[in-house]
Amino acid sequence: MTNIRVRLASNGEILAEGPLGWGITPFEGNLYIRKKHMRTDKFRVNYVPGLCPYKFLYVWMNLHLNDGAKIRNLAWMYWLPNPLLPFIWFRVALPRAHPDLEIEEY
């Protein structure tokens, strides 16, 4: 079984960790993470909406750091997801290629 760990590049803080598959699902270059595999509670919805033609409506999320800084629009969550894509339903999504993230598979 392959596990995946997502860290913040600036300080090494673990944001998410779990099994690749239903726990952390890769799709279109992004990672869709179930709540039980999130290792932080610092993501906050910023209420900026977005629309994907086939995944439907989402909101952007900021990461609030301990020093008071925040990384804007680092993640997103579908709050009106396509019912045919259950692996995106109400999960925090992170881009694999974001420069502020380190992705480790082990």
PDB file of N, CA and C in Angstrom:
ATOM      1  N   MET A   1       0.846  -1.180   0.000  1.00  0.00           N
ATOM      2  CA  MET A   1       0.000   0.000   0.000  1.00  0.00           C
ATOM      3  C   MET A   1       0.894   1.247   0.000  1.00  0.00           C
ATOM      4  N   THR A   2       0.537   2.191  -0.818  1.00  0.00           N
ATOM      5  CA  THR A   2       1.269   3.449  -0.895  1.00  0.00           C
ATOM      6  C   THR A   2       0.590   4.493  -0.029  1.00  0.00           C
ATOM      7  N   ASN A   3       1.385   5.158   0.787  1.00  0.00           N
ATOM      8  CA  ASN A   3       0.898   6.273   1.597  1.00  0.00           C
ATOM      9  C   ASN A   3       1.446   7.569   1.030  1.00  0.00           C
ATOM     10  N   ILE A   4       0.808   8.647   1.398  1.00  0.00           N
ATOM     11  CA  ILE A   4       1.234   9.954   0.915  1.00  0.00           C
ATOM     12  C   ILE A   4       1.232  10.930   2.085  1.00  0.00           C
ATOM     13  N   ARG A   5       2.222  11.804   2.105  1.00  0.00           N
ATOM     14  CA  ARG A   5       2.340  12.827   3.141  1.00  0.00           C
ATOM     15  C   ARG A   5       2.486  14.181   2.445  1.00  0.00           C
ATOM     16  N   VAL A   6       1.694  15.142   2.877  1.00  0.00           N
ATOM     17  CA  VAL A   6       1.742  16.496   2.319  1.00  0.00           C
ATOM     18  C   VAL A   6       2.273  17.414   3.413  1.00  0.00           C
ATOM     19  N   ARG A   7       3.379  18.097   3.114  1.00  0.00           N
ATOM     20  CA  ARG A   7       4.009  19.004   4.070  1.00  0.00           C
ATOM     21  C   ARG A   7       4.027  20.422   3.515  1.00  0.00           C
ATOM     22  N   LEU A   8       4.064  21.366   4.419  1.00  0.00           N
ATOM     23  CA  LEU A   8       4.273  22.756   4.053  1.00  0.00           C
ATOM     24  C   LEU A   8       5.769  22.939   3.847  1.00  0.00           C
ATOM     25  N   ALA A   9       6.188  23.428   2.693  1.00  0.00           N
ATOM     26  CA  ALA A   9       7.605  23.518   2.353  1.00  0.00           C
ATOM     27  C   ALA A   9       8.371  24.459   3.284  1.00  0.00           C
ATOM     28  N   SER A  10       7.753  25.518   3.757  1.00  0.00           N
ATOM     29  CA  SER A  10       8.469  26.525   4.544  1.00  0.00           C
ATOM     30  C   SER A  10       8.876  26.040   5.928  1.00  0.00           C
ATOM     31  N   ASN A  11       8.063  25.200   6.568  1.00  0.00           N
ATOM     32  CA  ASN A  11       8.406  24.783   7.926  1.00  0.00           C
ATOM     33  C   ASN A  11       8.293  23.280   8.167  1.00  0.00           C
ATOM     34  N   GLY A  12       7.908  22.512   7.167  1.00  0.00           N
ATOM     35  CA  GLY A  12       7.823  21.059   7.295  1.00  0.00           C
ATOM     36  C   GLY A  12       6.583  20.553   8.002  1.00  0.00           C
ATOM     37  N   GLU A  13       5.645  21.432   8.340  1.00  0.00           N
ATOM     38  CA  GLU A  13       4.418  21.013   9.020  1.00  0.00           C
ATOM     39  C   GLU A  13       3.634  20.053   8.132  1.00  0.00           C
ATOM     40  N   ILE A  14       3.181  18.948   8.719  1.00  0.00           N
ATOM     41  CA  ILE A  14       2.396  17.967   7.980  1.00  0.00           C
ATOM     42  C   ILE A  14       0.954  18.449   7.896  1.00  0.00           C
ATOM     43  N   LEU A  15       0.463  18.592   6.677  1.00  0.00           N
ATOM     44  CA  LEU A  15      -0.913  19.022   6.441  1.00  0.00           C
ATOM     45  C   LEU A  15      -1.862  17.851   6.278  1.00  0.00           C
ATOM     46  N   ALA A  16      -1.389  16.775   5.652  1.00  0.00           N
ATOM     47  CA  ALA A  16      -2.220  15.598   5.419  1.00  0.00           C
ATOM     48  C   ALA A  16      -1.328  14.376   5.296  1.00  0.00           C
ATOM     49  N   GLU A  17      -1.873  13.242   5.718  1.00  0.00           N
ATOM     50  CA  GLU A  17      -1.129  11.990   5.603  1.00  0.00           C
ATOM     51  C   GLU A  17      -2.113  10.834   5.615  1.00  0.00           C
ATOM     52  N   GLY A  18      -1.934   9.902   4.685  1.00  0.00           N
ATOM     53  CA  GLY A  18      -2.820   8.754   4.633  1.00  0.00           C
ATOM     54  C   GLY A  18      -2.576   7.912   3.400  1.00  0.00           C
ATOM     55  N   PRO A  19      -3.402   6.888   3.219  1.00  0.00           N
ATOM     56  CA  PRO A  19      -3.225   5.978   2.096  1.00  0.00           C
ATOM     57  C   PRO A  19      -3.685   6.597   0.777  1.00  0.00           C
ATOM     58  N   LEU A  20      -2.908   6.324  -0.243  1.00  0.00           N
ATOM     59  CA  LEU A  20      -3.281   6.739  -1.589  1.00  0.00           C
ATOM     60  C   LEU A  20      -4.412   5.832  -2.053  1.00  0.00           C
ATOM     61  N   GLY A  21      -5.475   6.409  -2.540  1.00  0.00           N
ATOM     62  CA  GLY A  21      -6.655   5.650  -2.939  1.00  0.00           C
ATOM     63  C   GLY A  21      -7.891   6.380  -2.463  1.00  0.00           C
ATOM     64  N   TRP A  22      -8.739   5.707  -1.700  1.00  0.00           N
ATOM     65  CA  TRP A  22      -9.955   6.352  -1.226  1.00  0.00           C
ATOM     66  C   TRP A  22      -9.659   7.390  -0.147  1.00  0.00           C
ATOM     67  N   GLY A  23      -8.600   7.210   0.641  1.00  0.00           N
ATOM     68  CA  GLY A  23      -8.251   8.164   1.695  1.00  0.00           C
ATOM     69  C   GLY A  23      -7.741   9.482   1.129  1.00  0.00           C
ATOM     70  N   ILE A  24      -6.769   9.396   0.264  1.00  0.00           N
ATOM     71  CA  ILE A  24      -6.238  10.557  -0.461  1.00  0.00           C
ATOM     72  C   ILE A  24      -6.261  10.180  -1.937  1.00  0.00           C
ATOM     73  N   THR A  25      -7.147  10.814  -2.662  1.00  0.00           N
ATOM     74  CA  THR A  25      -7.392  10.436  -4.051  1.00  0.00           C
ATOM     75  C   THR A  25      -6.717  11.410  -5.011  1.00  0.00           C
ATOM     76  N   PRO A  26      -5.797  10.916  -5.858  1.00  0.00           N
ATOM     77  CA  PRO A  26      -5.232  11.779  -6.894  1.00  0.00           C
ATOM     78  C   PRO A  26      -6.197  11.868  -8.082  1.00  0.00           C
ATOM     79  N   PHE A  27      -6.400  13.084  -8.581  1.00  0.00           N
ATOM     80  CA  PHE A  27      -7.279  13.277  -9.734  1.00  0.00           C
ATOM     81  C   PHE A  27      -6.896  14.582 -10.405  1.00  0.00           C
ATOM     82  N   GLU A  28      -6.558  14.510 -11.675  1.00  0.00           N
ATOM     83  CA  GLU A  28      -6.211  15.677 -12.487  1.00  0.00           C
ATOM     84  C   GLU A  28      -5.072  16.503 -11.893  1.00  0.00           C
ATOM     85  N   GLY A  29      -4.083  15.858 -11.314  1.00  0.00           N
ATOM     86  CA  GLY A  29      -2.933  16.567 -10.760  1.00  0.00           C
ATOM     87  C   GLY A  29      -3.163  17.175  -9.386  1.00  0.00           C
ATOM     88  N   ASN A  30      -4.285  16.848  -8.771  1.00  0.00           N
ATOM     89  CA  ASN A  30      -4.611  17.360  -7.440  1.00  0.00           C
ATOM     90  C   ASN A  30      -4.813  16.179  -6.491  1.00  0.00           C
ATOM     91  N   LEU A  31      -4.826  16.476  -5.191  1.00  0.00           N
ATOM     92  CA  LEU A  31      -5.088  15.471  -4.175  1.00  0.00           C
ATOM     93  C   LEU A  31      -6.366  15.843  -3.442  1.00  0.00           C
ATOM     94  N   TYR A  32      -7.322  14.932  -3.398  1.00  0.00           N
ATOM     95  CA  TYR A  32      -8.582  15.130  -2.684  1.00  0.00           C
ATOM     96  C   TYR A  32      -8.500  14.322  -1.395  1.00  0.00           C
ATOM     97  N   ILE A  33      -8.534  15.024  -0.256  1.00  0.00           N
ATOM     98  CA  ILE A  33      -8.179  14.427   1.029  1.00  0.00           C
ATOM     99  C   ILE A  33      -9.397  14.321   1.936  1.00  0.00           C
ATOM    100  N   ARG A  34      -9.680  13.109   2.403  1.00  0.00           N
ATOM    101  CA  ARG A  34     -10.753  12.899   3.381  1.00  0.00           C
ATOM    102  C   ARG A  34     -10.390  13.582   4.690  1.00  0.00           C
ATOM    103  N   LYS A  35     -11.395  14.000   5.404  1.00  0.00           N
ATOM    104  CA  LYS A  35     -11.196  14.737   6.653  1.00  0.00           C
ATOM    105  C   LYS A  35     -10.340  13.957   7.653  1.00  0.00           C
ATOM    106  N   LYS A  36     -10.525  12.660   7.749  1.00  0.00           N
ATOM    107  CA  LYS A  36      -9.777  11.883   8.742  1.00  0.00           C
ATOM    108  C   LYS A  36      -8.285  11.806   8.434  1.00  0.00           C
ATOM    109  N   HIS A  37      -7.876  12.183   7.230  1.00  0.00           N
ATOM    110  CA  HIS A  37      -6.458  12.163   6.875  1.00  0.00           C
ATOM    111  C   HIS A  37      -5.818  13.555   6.900  1.00  0.00           C
ATOM    112  N   MET A  38      -6.604  14.559   7.251  1.00  0.00           N
ATOM    113  CA  MET A  38      -6.048  15.905   7.437  1.00  0.00           C
ATOM    114  C   MET A  38      -5.318  15.934   8.771  1.00  0.00           C
ATOM    115  N   ARG A  39      -4.136  16.521   8.807  1.00  0.00           N
ATOM    116  CA  ARG A  39      -3.353  16.608  10.038  1.00  0.00           C
ATOM    117  C   ARG A  39      -3.275  18.036  10.569  1.00  0.00           C
ATOM    118  N   THR A  40      -4.076  18.905  10.000  1.00  0.00           N
ATOM    119  CA  THR A  40      -4.145  20.284  10.450  1.00  0.00           C
ATOM    120  C   THR A  40      -5.588  20.757  10.410  1.00  0.00           C
ATOM    121  N   ASP A  41      -5.882  21.738  11.230  1.00  0.00           N
ATOM    122  CA  ASP A  41      -7.206  22.366  11.199  1.00  0.00           C
ATOM    123  C   ASP A  41      -7.075  23.844  10.838  1.00  0.00           C
ATOM    124  N   LYS A  42      -6.011  24.185  10.131  1.00  0.00           N
ATOM    125  CA  LYS A  42      -5.704  25.584   9.822  1.00  0.00           C
ATOM    126  C   LYS A  42      -6.249  26.063   8.481  1.00  0.00           C
ATOM    127  N   PHE A  43      -6.961  25.209   7.762  1.00  0.00           N
ATOM    128  CA  PHE A  43      -7.587  25.647   6.517  1.00  0.00           C
ATOM    129  C   PHE A  43      -8.909  26.325   6.847  1.00  0.00           C
ATOM    130  N   ARG A  44      -9.123  27.495   6.251  1.00  0.00           N
ATOM    131  CA  ARG A  44     -10.356  28.251   6.467  1.00  0.00           C
ATOM    132  C   ARG A  44     -10.950  28.638   5.120  1.00  0.00           C
ATOM    133  N   VAL A  45     -12.248  28.449   4.994  1.00  0.00           N
ATOM    134  CA  VAL A  45     -12.956  28.841   3.778  1.00  0.00           C
ATOM    135  C   VAL A  45     -12.910  30.356   3.662  1.00  0.00           C
ATOM    136  N   ASN A  46     -12.561  30.866   2.479  1.00  0.00           N
ATOM    137  CA  ASN A  46     -12.540  32.321   2.288  1.00  0.00           C
ATOM    138  C   ASN A  46     -13.751  32.816   1.487  1.00  0.00           C
ATOM    139  N   TYR A  47     -14.644  31.916   1.145  1.00  0.00           N
ATOM    140  CA  TYR A  47     -15.926  32.219   0.492  1.00  0.00           C
ATOM    141  C   TYR A  47     -15.796  32.795  -0.912  1.00  0.00           C
ATOM    142  N   VAL A  48     -14.628  32.657  -1.532  1.00  0.00           N
ATOM    143  CA  VAL A  48     -14.492  33.005  -2.941  1.00  0.00           C
ATOM    144  C   VAL A  48     -14.945  31.777  -3.724  1.00  0.00           C
ATOM    145  N   PRO A  49     -16.032  31.897  -4.477  1.00  0.00           N
ATOM    146  CA  PRO A  49     -16.573  30.727  -5.168  1.00  0.00           C
ATOM    147  C   PRO A  49     -15.845  30.452  -6.482  1.00  0.00           C
ATOM    148  N   GLY A  50     -16.011  29.242  -6.941  1.00  0.00           N
ATOM    149  CA  GLY A  50     -15.484  28.849  -8.238  1.00  0.00           C
ATOM    150  C   GLY A  50     -16.445  27.866  -8.880  1.00  0.00           C
ATOM    151  N   LEU A  51     -16.301  27.693 -10.170  1.00  0.00           N
ATOM    152  CA  LEU A  51     -17.168  26.788 -10.913  1.00  0.00           C
ATOM    153  C   LEU A  51     -16.338  25.961 -11.877  1.00  0.00           C
ATOM    154  N   CYS A  52     -16.493  24.671 -11.791  1.00  0.00           N
ATOM    155  CA  CYS A  52     -15.906  23.751 -12.759  1.00  0.00           C
ATOM    156  C   CYS A  52     -17.074  23.200 -13.577  1.00  0.00           C
ATOM    157  N   PRO A  53     -16.974  23.159 -14.900  1.00  0.00           N
ATOM    158  CA  PRO A  53     -18.107  22.734 -15.730  1.00  0.00           C
ATOM    159  C   PRO A  53     -18.620  21.321 -15.425  1.00  0.00           C
ATOM    160  N   TYR A  54     -17.753  20.423 -14.960  1.00  0.00           N
ATOM    161  CA  TYR A  54     -18.231  19.062 -14.705  1.00  0.00           C
ATOM    162  C   TYR A  54     -18.092  18.617 -13.250  1.00  0.00           C
ATOM    163  N   LYS A  55     -17.364  19.355 -12.410  1.00  0.00           N
ATOM    164  CA  LYS A  55     -17.288  19.009 -10.982  1.00  0.00           C
ATOM    165  C   LYS A  55     -18.182  19.930 -10.151  1.00  0.00           C
ATOM    166  N   PHE A  56     -18.638  21.018 -10.737  1.00  0.00           N
ATOM    167  CA  PHE A  56     -19.619  21.963 -10.194  1.00  0.00           C
ATOM    168  C   PHE A  56     -19.015  23.012  -9.260  1.00  0.00           C
ATOM    169  N   LEU A  57     -19.703  23.370  -8.171  1.00  0.00           N
ATOM    170  CA  LEU A  57     -19.357  24.557  -7.377  1.00  0.00           C
ATOM    171  C   LEU A  57     -18.404  24.243  -6.225  1.00  0.00           C
ATOM    172  N   TYR A  58     -17.408  25.135  -6.055  1.00  0.00           N
ATOM    173  CA  TYR A  58     -16.445  24.984  -4.965  1.00  0.00           C
ATOM    174  C   TYR A  58     -16.164  26.338  -4.330  1.00  0.00           C
ATOM    175  N   VAL A  59     -15.510  26.296  -3.176  1.00  0.00           N
ATOM    176  CA  VAL A  59     -15.036  27.508  -2.507  1.00  0.00           C
ATOM    177  C   VAL A  59     -13.546  27.342  -2.232  1.00  0.00           C
ATOM    178  N   TRP A  60     -12.831  28.451  -2.326  1.00  0.00           N
ATOM    179  CA  TRP A  60     -11.398  28.459  -2.050  1.00  0.00           C
ATOM    180  C   TRP A  60     -11.154  28.473  -0.553  1.00  0.00           C
ATOM    181  N   MET A  61      -9.973  27.985  -0.150  1.00  0.00           N
ATOM    182  CA  MET A  61      -9.593  27.926   1.262  1.00  0.00           C
ATOM    183  C   MET A  61      -8.201  28.504   1.443  1.00  0.00           C
ATOM    184  N   ASN A  62      -8.022  29.251   2.538  1.00  0.00           N
ATOM    185  CA  ASN A  62      -6.713  29.790   2.915  1.00  0.00           C
ATOM    186  C   ASN A  62      -6.122  28.923   4.016  1.00  0.00           C
ATOM    187  N   LEU A  63      -4.800  28.859   4.071  1.00  0.00           N
ATOM    188  CA  LEU A  63      -4.106  28.191   5.163  1.00  0.00           C
ATOM    189  C   LEU A  63      -3.579  29.263   6.099  1.00  0.00           C
ATOM    190  N   HIS A  64      -4.033  29.250   7.346  1.00  0.00           N
ATOM    191  CA  HIS A  64      -3.609  30.225   8.354  1.00  0.00           C
ATOM    192  C   HIS A  64      -2.458  29.631   9.153  1.00  0.00           C
ATOM    193  N   LEU A  65      -1.302  30.282   9.111  1.00  0.00           N
ATOM    194  CA  LEU A  65      -0.107  29.785   9.780  1.00  0.00           C
ATOM    195  C   LEU A  65      -0.023  30.292  11.213  1.00  0.00           C
ATOM    196  N   ASN A  66       0.813  29.640  12.018  1.00  0.00           N
ATOM    197  CA  ASN A  66       0.953  30.010  13.431  1.00  0.00           C
ATOM    198  C   ASN A  66       1.488  31.423  13.633  1.00  0.00           C
ATOM    199  N   ASP A  67       2.284  31.921  12.696  1.00  0.00           N
ATOM    200  CA  ASP A  67       2.864  33.258  12.849  1.00  0.00           C
ATOM    201  C   ASP A  67       1.910  34.372  12.406  1.00  0.00           C
ATOM    202  N   GLY A  68       0.684  34.021  12.078  1.00  0.00           N
ATOM    203  CA  GLY A  68      -0.320  35.000  11.667  1.00  0.00           C
ATOM    204  C   GLY A  68      -0.414  35.203  10.167  1.00  0.00           C
ATOM    205  N   ALA A  69       0.543  34.681   9.424  1.00  0.00           N
ATOM    206  CA  ALA A  69       0.505  34.792   7.959  1.00  0.00           C
ATOM    207  C   ALA A  69      -0.505  33.792   7.416  1.00  0.00           C
ATOM    208  N   LYS A  70      -0.886  33.981   6.178  1.00  0.00           N
ATOM    209  CA  LYS A  70      -1.757  33.004   5.537  1.00  0.00           C
ATOM    210  C   LYS A  70      -1.366  32.833   4.082  1.00  0.00           C
ATOM    211  N   ILE A  71      -1.586  31.648   3.608  1.00  0.00           N
ATOM    212  CA  ILE A  71      -1.378  31.332   2.198  1.00  0.00           C
ATOM    213  C   ILE A  71      -2.760  31.303   1.579  1.00  0.00           C
ATOM    214  N   ARG A  72      -3.031  32.277   0.742  1.00  0.00           N
ATOM    215  CA  ARG A  72      -4.358  32.429   0.148  1.00  0.00           C
ATOM    216  C   ARG A  72      -4.576  31.432  -0.993  1.00  0.00           C
ATOM    217  N   ASN A  73      -5.793  30.926  -1.046  1.00  0.00           N
ATOM    218  CA  ASN A  73      -6.231  30.046  -2.142  1.00  0.00           C
ATOM    219  C   ASN A  73      -5.315  28.840  -2.347  1.00  0.00           C
ATOM    220  N   LEU A  74      -4.845  28.277  -1.253  1.00  0.00           N
ATOM    221  CA  LEU A  74      -3.992  27.090  -1.347  1.00  0.00           C
ATOM    222  C   LEU A  74      -4.821  25.840  -1.634  1.00  0.00           C
ATOM    223  N   ALA A  75      -6.037  25.808  -1.133  1.00  0.00           N
ATOM    224  CA  ALA A  75      -6.887  24.627  -1.280  1.00  0.00           C
ATOM    225  C   ALA A  75      -8.291  25.058  -1.687  1.00  0.00           C
ATOM    226  N   TRP A  76      -9.118  24.067  -1.988  1.00  0.00           N
ATOM    227  CA  TRP A  76     -10.521  24.333  -2.298  1.00  0.00           C
ATOM    228  C   TRP A  76     -11.340  23.124  -1.869  1.00  0.00           C
ATOM    229  N   MET A  77     -12.647  23.331  -1.791  1.00  0.00           N
ATOM    230  CA  MET A  77     -13.554  22.252  -1.436  1.00  0.00           C
ATOM    231  C   MET A  77     -14.840  22.409  -2.248  1.00  0.00           C
ATOM    232  N   TYR A  78     -15.288  21.309  -2.829  1.00  0.00           N
ATOM    233  CA  TYR A  78     -16.556  21.327  -3.564  1.00  0.00           C
ATOM    234  C   TYR A  78     -17.697  21.237  -2.568  1.00  0.00           C
ATOM    235  N   TRP A  79     -18.523  22.262  -2.515  1.00  0.00           N
ATOM    236  CA  TRP A  79     -19.676  22.241  -1.605  1.00  0.00           C
ATOM    237  C   TRP A  79     -20.963  21.920  -2.351  1.00  0.00           C
ATOM    238  N   LEU A  80     -20.937  21.943  -3.660  1.00  0.00           N
ATOM    239  CA  LEU A  80     -22.028  21.404  -4.471  1.00  0.00           C
ATOM    240  C   LEU A  80     -21.365  20.547  -5.550  1.00  0.00           C
ATOM    241  N   PRO A  81     -20.941  19.317  -5.167  1.00  0.00           N
ATOM    242  CA  PRO A  81     -20.160  18.490  -6.084  1.00  0.00           C
ATOM    243  C   PRO A  81     -21.026  17.681  -7.040  1.00  0.00           C
ATOM    244  N   ASN A  82     -20.407  17.244  -8.103  1.00  0.00           N
ATOM    245  CA  ASN A  82     -21.032  16.345  -9.056  1.00  0.00           C
ATOM    246  C   ASN A  82     -21.309  15.008  -8.356  1.00  0.00           C
ATOM    247  N   PRO A  83     -22.540  14.530  -8.358  1.00  0.00           N
ATOM    248  CA  PRO A  83     -22.843  13.266  -7.680  1.00  0.00           C
ATOM    249  C   PRO A  83     -22.180  12.045  -8.305  1.00  0.00           C
ATOM    250  N   LEU A  84     -21.657  12.184  -9.507  1.00  0.00           N
ATOM    251  CA  LEU A  84     -20.973  11.068 -10.162  1.00  0.00           C
ATOM    252  C   LEU A  84     -19.505  10.958  -9.762  1.00  0.00           C
ATOM    253  N   LEU A  85     -19.001  11.904  -8.977  1.00  0.00           N
ATOM    254  CA  LEU A  85     -17.596  11.906  -8.560  1.00  0.00           C
ATOM    255  C   LEU A  85     -17.513  11.902  -7.029  1.00  0.00           C
ATOM    256  N   PRO A  86     -17.842  10.804  -6.360  1.00  0.00           N
ATOM    257  CA  PRO A  86     -17.892  10.790  -4.897  1.00  0.00           C
ATOM    258  C   PRO A  86     -16.551  11.047  -4.229  1.00  0.00           C
ATOM    259  N   PHE A  87     -15.440  10.822  -4.922  1.00  0.00           N
ATOM    260  CA  PHE A  87     -14.128  11.032  -4.317  1.00  0.00           C
ATOM    261  C   PHE A  87     -13.766  12.506  -4.169  1.00  0.00           C
ATOM    262  N   ILE A  88     -14.598  13.436  -4.670  1.00  0.00           N
ATOM    263  CA  ILE A  88     -14.352  14.867  -4.453  1.00  0.00           C
ATOM    264  C   ILE A  88     -15.331  15.471  -3.453  1.00  0.00           C
ATOM    265  N   TRP A  89     -16.327  14.722  -3.033  1.00  0.00           N
ATOM    266  CA  TRP A  89     -17.384  15.269  -2.178  1.00  0.00           C
ATOM    267  C   TRP A  89     -16.826  15.780  -0.858  1.00  0.00           C
ATOM    268  N   PHE A  90     -16.918  17.069  -0.617  1.00  0.00           N
ATOM    269  CA  PHE A  90     -16.615  17.704   0.663  1.00  0.00           C
ATOM    270  C   PHE A  90     -15.218  17.376   1.183  1.00  0.00           C
ATOM    271  N   ARG A  91     -14.280  17.215   0.294  1.00  0.00           N
ATOM    272  CA  ARG A  91     -12.888  16.947   0.657  1.00  0.00           C
ATOM    273  C   ARG A  91     -12.043  18.180   0.381  1.00  0.00           C
ATOM    274  N   VAL A  92     -11.022  18.370   1.188  1.00  0.00           N
ATOM    275  CA  VAL A  92     -10.060  19.430   0.918  1.00  0.00           C
ATOM    276  C   VAL A  92      -9.210  18.964  -0.259  1.00  0.00           C
ATOM    277  N   ALA A  93      -9.055  19.829  -1.243  1.00  0.00           N
ATOM    278  CA  ALA A  93      -8.262  19.505  -2.428  1.00  0.00           C
ATOM    279  C   ALA A  93      -7.016  20.384  -2.443  1.00  0.00           C
ATOM    280  N   LEU A  94      -5.876  19.766  -2.724  1.00  0.00           N
ATOM    281  CA  LEU A  94      -4.601  20.477  -2.806  1.00  0.00           C
ATOM    282  C   LEU A  94      -3.942  20.169  -4.143  1.00  0.00           C
ATOM    283  N   PRO A  95      -3.318  21.172  -4.749  1.00  0.00           N
ATOM    284  CA  PRO A  95      -2.609  20.929  -6.010  1.00  0.00           C
ATOM    285  C   PRO A  95      -1.244  20.296  -5.747  1.00  0.00           C
ATOM    286  N   ARG A  96      -0.941  19.222  -6.445  1.00  0.00           N
ATOM    287  CA  ARG A  96       0.360  18.555  -6.269  1.00  0.00           C
ATOM    288  C   ARG A  96       1.531  19.461  -6.630  1.00  0.00           C
ATOM    289  N   ALA A  97       1.356  20.338  -7.591  1.00  0.00           N
ATOM    290  CA  ALA A  97       2.468  21.136  -8.122  1.00  0.00           C
ATOM    291  C   ALA A  97       2.641  22.492  -7.442  1.00  0.00           C
ATOM    292  N   HIS A  98       1.945  22.753  -6.353  1.00  0.00           N
ATOM    293  CA  HIS A  98       2.044  24.062  -5.700  1.00  0.00           C
ATOM    294  C   HIS A  98       3.425  24.224  -5.065  1.00  0.00           C
ATOM    295  N   PRO A  99       4.084  25.368  -5.256  1.00  0.00           N
ATOM    296  CA  PRO A  99       5.439  25.556  -4.727  1.00  0.00           C
ATOM    297  C   PRO A  99       5.519  25.582  -3.196  1.00  0.00           C
ATOM    298  N   ASP A 100       4.424  25.817  -2.504  1.00  0.00           N
ATOM    299  CA  ASP A 100       4.434  25.840  -1.037  1.00  0.00           C
ATOM    300  C   ASP A 100       4.240  24.465  -0.421  1.00  0.00           C
ATOM    301  N   LEU A 101       4.066  23.426  -1.260  1.00  0.00           N
ATOM    302  CA  LEU A 101       3.814  22.084  -0.753  1.00  0.00           C
ATOM    303  C   LEU A 101       4.906  21.114  -1.158  1.00  0.00           C
ATOM    304  N   GLU A 102       5.185  20.164  -0.272  1.00  0.00           N
ATOM    305  CA  GLU A 102       6.064  19.039  -0.567  1.00  0.00           C
ATOM    306  C   GLU A 102       5.229  17.768  -0.449  1.00  0.00           C
ATOM    307  N   ILE A 103       5.239  16.956  -1.479  1.00  0.00           N
ATOM    308  CA  ILE A 103       4.456  15.725  -1.517  1.00  0.00           C
ATOM    309  C   ILE A 103       5.441  14.548  -1.455  1.00  0.00           C
ATOM    310  N   GLU A 104       5.222  13.667  -0.510  1.00  0.00           N
ATOM    311  CA  GLU A 104       6.092  12.500  -0.332  1.00  0.00           C
ATOM    312  C   GLU A 104       5.242  11.236  -0.407  1.00  0.00           C
ATOM    313  N   GLU A 105       5.632  10.318  -1.261  1.00  0.00           N
ATOM    314  CA  GLU A 105       4.978   9.004  -1.332  1.00  0.00           C
ATOM    315  C   GLU A 105       5.924   7.978  -0.734  1.00  0.00           C
ATOM    316  N   TYR A 106       5.379   7.117   0.112  1.00  0.00           N
ATOM    317  CA  TYR A 106       6.216   6.092   0.755  1.00  0.00           C
ATOM    318  C   TYR A 106       5.453   4.801   0.922  1.00  0.00           C
TER     319      TYR A 106
END
